[in-house]
C-alpha atoms as a PDB file:
ATOM      1  CA  UNK A   1       8.808  13.236 -26.298  1.00  0.00           C
ATOM      2  CA  UNK A   2       9.184  12.098 -22.695  1.00  0.00           C
ATOM      3  CA  UNK A   3       8.775  14.840 -19.652  1.00  0.00           C
ATOM      4  CA  UNK A   4      10.173  14.848 -16.680  1.00  0.00           C
ATOM      5  CA  UNK A   5       8.135  13.842 -13.427  1.00  0.00           C
ATOM      6  CA  UNK A   6       7.575  16.736 -11.672  1.00  0.00           C
ATOM      7  CA  UNK A   7       9.374  18.215  -8.891  1.00  0.00           C
ATOM      8  CA  UNK A   8       6.227  18.337  -6.563  1.00  0.00           C
ATOM      9  CA  UNK A   9       5.384  14.958  -6.978  1.00  0.00           C
ATOM     10  CA  UNK A  10       9.093  13.460  -6.567  1.00  0.00           C
ATOM     11  CA  UNK A  11       8.264  13.096  -3.155  1.00  0.00           C
ATOM     12  CA  UNK A  12       9.304   9.626  -0.388  1.00  0.00           C
ATOM     13  CA  UNK A  13       5.450   9.674  -0.550  1.00  0.00           C
ATOM     14  CA  UNK A  14       4.738   8.733  -4.311  1.00  0.00           C
ATOM     15  CA  UNK A  15       8.512   7.141  -4.945  1.00  0.00           C
ATOM     16  CA  UNK A  16       6.829   3.837  -4.985  1.00  0.00           C
ATOM     17  CA  UNK A  17       4.337   4.411  -7.344  1.00  0.00           C
ATOM     18  CA  UNK A  18       6.506   6.147  -9.427  1.00  0.00           C
ATOM     19  CA  UNK A  19       9.035   3.156  -9.572  1.00  0.00           C
ATOM     20  CA  UNK A  20       6.278   0.973 -10.467  1.00  0.00           C
ATOM     21  CA  UNK A  21       4.649   3.130 -12.951  1.00  0.00           C
ATOM     22  CA  UNK A  22       7.547   3.481 -15.118  1.00  0.00           C
ATOM     23  CA  UNK A  23       7.151   2.084 -19.019  1.00  0.00           C
ATOM     24  CA  UNK A  24       3.903   1.709 -18.156  1.00  0.00           C
ATOM     25  CA  UNK A  25       1.425   2.163 -20.744  1.00  0.00           C
ATOM     26  CA  UNK A  26      -2.696   2.814 -20.506  1.00  0.00           C
ATOM     27  CA  UNK A  27      -5.678   3.079 -22.504  1.00  0.00           C
ATOM     28  CA  UNK A  28      -7.820   6.283 -22.933  1.00  0.00           C
ATOM     29  CA  UNK A  29     -10.914   4.269 -22.486  1.00  0.00           C
ATOM     30  CA  UNK A  30     -10.192   3.755 -19.471  1.00  0.00           C
ATOM     31  CA  UNK A  31      -9.301   7.776 -18.463  1.00  0.00           C
ATOM     32  CA  UNK A  32     -12.521   9.047 -19.323  1.00  0.00           C
ATOM     33  CA  UNK A  33     -14.819   8.445 -16.860  1.00  0.00           C
ATOM     34  CA  UNK A  34     -12.170   9.087 -14.045  1.00  0.00           C
ATOM     35  CA  UNK A  35     -11.257  12.460 -15.849  1.00  0.00           C
ATOM     36  CA  UNK A  36     -15.273  12.320 -15.277  1.00  0.00           C
ATOM     37  CA  UNK A  37     -15.456  11.749 -11.498  1.00  0.00           C
ATOM     38  CA  UNK A  38     -12.609  14.446 -10.979  1.00  0.00           C
ATOM     39  CA  UNK A  39     -14.118  17.835 -13.121  1.00  0.00           C
ATOM     40  CA  UNK A  40     -15.494  19.729 -10.662  1.00  0.00           C
ATOM     41  CA  UNK A  41     -12.098  19.729  -8.881  1.00  0.00           C
ATOM     42  CA  UNK A  42      -9.971  22.995  -9.518  1.00  0.00           C
ATOM     43  CA  UNK A  43      -7.009  21.893  -7.568  1.00  0.00           C
ATOM     44  CA  UNK A  44      -6.069  18.318  -8.584  1.00  0.00           C
ATOM     45  CA  UNK A  45      -3.423  17.801 -11.548  1.00  0.00           C
ATOM     46  CA  UNK A  46      -2.133  15.600 -13.682  1.00  0.00           C
ATOM     47  CA  UNK A  47       1.046  14.258 -15.571  1.00  0.00           C
ATOM     48  CA  UNK A  48       1.525  11.557 -18.495  1.00  0.00           C
ATOM     49  CA  UNK A  49       4.808  10.876 -19.280  1.00  0.00           C
ATOM     50  CA  UNK A  50       4.537  10.267 -22.936  1.00  0.00           C
ATOM     51  CA  UNK A  51       0.676  10.597 -24.059  1.00  0.00           C
ATOM     52  CA  UNK A  52       1.023  10.305 -27.785  1.00  0.00           C
ATOM     53  CA  UNK A  53       2.664   6.885 -26.516  1.00  0.00           C
ATOM     54  CA  UNK A  54      -0.120   6.215 -24.471  1.00  0.00           C
ATOM     55  CA  UNK A  55       1.541   5.963 -20.987  1.00  0.00           C
ATOM     56  CA  UNK A  56       0.372   6.103 -17.705  1.00  0.00           C
ATOM     57  CA  UNK A  57      -1.471   8.790 -15.649  1.00  0.00           C
ATOM     58  CA  UNK A  58      -1.519  10.193 -12.363  1.00  0.00           C
ATOM     59  CA  UNK A  59      -3.675  12.714 -10.882  1.00  0.00           C
ATOM     60  CA  UNK A  60      -2.511  14.325  -7.746  1.00  0.00           C
ATOM     61  CA  UNK A  61      -3.072  17.355  -5.085  1.00  0.00           C
ATOM     62  CA  UNK A  62      -1.274  18.550  -2.226  1.00  0.00           C
ATOM     63  CA  UNK A  63       1.984  16.851  -4.066  1.00  0.00           C
ATOM     64  CA  UNK A  64      -0.182  13.300  -3.443  1.00  0.00           C
ATOM     65  CA  UNK A  65      -0.939  11.288  -5.934  1.00  0.00           C
ATOM     66  CA  UNK A  66      -3.936   9.950  -5.486  1.00  0.00           C
ATOM     67  CA  UNK A  67      -5.415   7.775  -8.802  1.00  0.00           C
ATOM     68  CA  UNK A  68      -3.701   6.425 -11.889  1.00  0.00           C
ATOM     69  CA  UNK A  69      -4.768   4.913 -15.050  1.00  0.00           C
ATOM     70  CA  UNK A  70      -2.955   2.193 -16.370  1.00  0.00           C
ATOM     71  CA  UNK A  71      -3.674  -1.064 -18.828  1.00  0.00           C
ATOM     72  CA  UNK A  72      -7.131  -1.145 -19.986  1.00  0.00           C
ATOM     73  CA  UNK A  73      -9.458  -2.836 -17.304  1.00  0.00           C
ATOM     74  CA  UNK A  74      -8.605  -1.201 -14.201  1.00  0.00           C
ATOM     75  CA  UNK A  75      -7.930   2.573 -12.246  1.00  0.00           C
ATOM     76  CA  UNK A  76      -5.982   2.777  -8.764  1.00  0.00           C
ATOM     77  CA  UNK A  77      -6.681   4.946  -6.217  1.00  0.00           C
ATOM     78  CA  UNK A  78      -5.237   5.593  -3.026  1.00  0.00           C
ATOM     79  CA  UNK A  79      -7.526   5.816  -0.135  1.00  0.00           C
ATOM     80  CA  UNK A  80      -5.762   6.398   2.872  1.00  0.00           C
ATOM     81  CA  UNK A  81      -9.073   7.363   5.089  1.00  0.00           C
ATOM     82  CA  UNK A  82     -11.736   3.796   4.123  1.00  0.00           C
ATOM     83  CA  UNK A  83     -14.279   5.307   6.468  1.00  0.00           C
ATOM     84  CA  UNK A  84     -17.428   3.922   5.571  1.00  0.00           C
ATOM     85  CA  UNK A  85     -16.376   2.453   2.144  1.00  0.00           C
ATOM     86  CA  UNK A  86     -16.049  -1.499   2.279  1.00  0.00           C
ATOM     87  CA  UNK A  87     -13.056  -1.924   0.953  1.00  0.00           C
ATOM     88  CA  UNK A  88     -12.408  -5.520   1.624  1.00  0.00           C
ATOM     89  CA  UNK A  89     -14.378  -6.206  -1.790  1.00  0.00           C
ATOM     90  CA  UNK A  90     -11.498  -3.612  -3.856  1.00  0.00           C
ATOM     91  CA  UNK A  91      -8.406  -5.652  -5.391  1.00  0.00           C
ATOM     92  CA  UNK A  92      -4.978  -4.327  -4.475  1.00  0.00           C
ATOM     93  CA  UNK A  93      -2.855  -3.916  -7.927  1.00  0.00           C
ATOM     94  CA  UNK A  94      -0.051  -6.615  -7.528  1.00  0.00           C
ATOM     95  CA  UNK A  95       2.902  -4.646  -7.060  1.00  0.00           C
ATOM     96  CA  UNK A  96       1.946  -2.857  -3.917  1.00  0.00           C
ATOM     97  CA  UNK A  97       1.192  -3.681  -0.122  1.00  0.00           C
ATOM     98  CA  UNK A  98      -2.280  -3.505   1.528  1.00  0.00           C
ATOM     99  CA  UNK A  99      -0.319  -1.136   3.813  1.00  0.00           C
ATOM    100  CA  UNK A 100       0.739   1.245   0.827  1.00  0.00           C
ATOM    101  CA  UNK A 101      -3.488   1.637   0.528  1.00  0.00           C
ATOM    102  CA  UNK A 102      -3.669   1.309  -3.276  1.00  0.00           C
ATOM    103  CA  UNK A 103      -6.528  -0.509  -4.751  1.00  0.00           C
ATOM    104  CA  UNK A 104      -7.535  -1.588  -7.820  1.00  0.00           C
ATOM    105  CA  UNK A 105     -10.814  -0.638  -9.498  1.00  0.00           C
ATOM    106  CA  UNK A 106     -12.965  -1.786 -12.878  1.00  0.00           C
ATOM    107  CA  UNK A 107     -12.821   1.680 -14.801  1.00  0.00           C
ATOM    108  CA  UNK A 108     -16.882   1.570 -15.610  1.00  0.00           C
ATOM    109  CA  UNK A 109     -17.785   0.467 -11.327  1.00  0.00           C
ATOM    110  CA  UNK A 110     -21.252   2.405 -10.438  1.00  0.00           C
ATOM    111  CA  UNK A 111     -18.672   3.180  -7.347  1.00  0.00           C
ATOM    112  CA  UNK A 112     -15.931   4.927  -9.253  1.00  0.00           C
ATOM    113  CA  UNK A 113     -17.209   8.838  -8.225  1.00  0.00           C
ATOM    114  CA  UNK A 114     -17.209   7.751  -4.611  1.00  0.00           C
ATOM    115  CA  UNK A 115     -14.034   5.969  -4.269  1.00  0.00           C
ATOM    116  CA  UNK A 116     -12.422   9.145  -6.126  1.00  0.00           C
ATOM    117  CA  UNK A 117     -13.958  10.711  -4.092  1.00  0.00           C
ATOM    118  CA  UNK A 118     -12.450   9.615  -0.925  1.00  0.00           C
ATOM    119  CA  UNK A 119      -9.155   9.280  -2.274  1.00  0.00           C
ATOM    120  CA  UNK A 120      -9.353  12.799  -3.309  1.00  0.00           C
ATOM    121  CA  UNK A 121     -10.249  14.051  -0.054  1.00  0.00           C
ATOM    122  CA  UNK A 122      -7.246  12.012   1.953  1.00  0.00           C
ATOM    123  CA  UNK A 123      -4.967  13.215  -0.313  1.00  0.00           C
ATOM    124  CA  UNK A 124      -6.389  17.053   0.417  1.00  0.00           C
ATOM    125  CA  UNK A 125      -6.517  16.375   4.110  1.00  0.00           C
ATOM    126  CA  UNK A 126      -2.654  14.808   4.728  1.00  0.00           C
END
């Protein structure tokens, strides 16, 4: 059974990403490294509409989605505060405009931990 979108993330800032994720699937291999990066944070919540059917999964804090996993190769993160990160080397998902600060990262990237931390900090400081 499909779970409804939690009311706390059904907001203007998240609607574009949630609409683009509708019907998307996700391979479990790309979730594991992201979960490991997020393991030390106690305030992060996740949403997966249908885990038994390998639906996408997204992570949020302060009611802001800052990461999601779809497909088999990459995860996407919201980098609102780029800081010292070289985001020019990151790829934007095709279905988002760069002004929305979403970037795709290979799930096995050596920089995943740094990028996820930056996305988390941006969401907590928004």
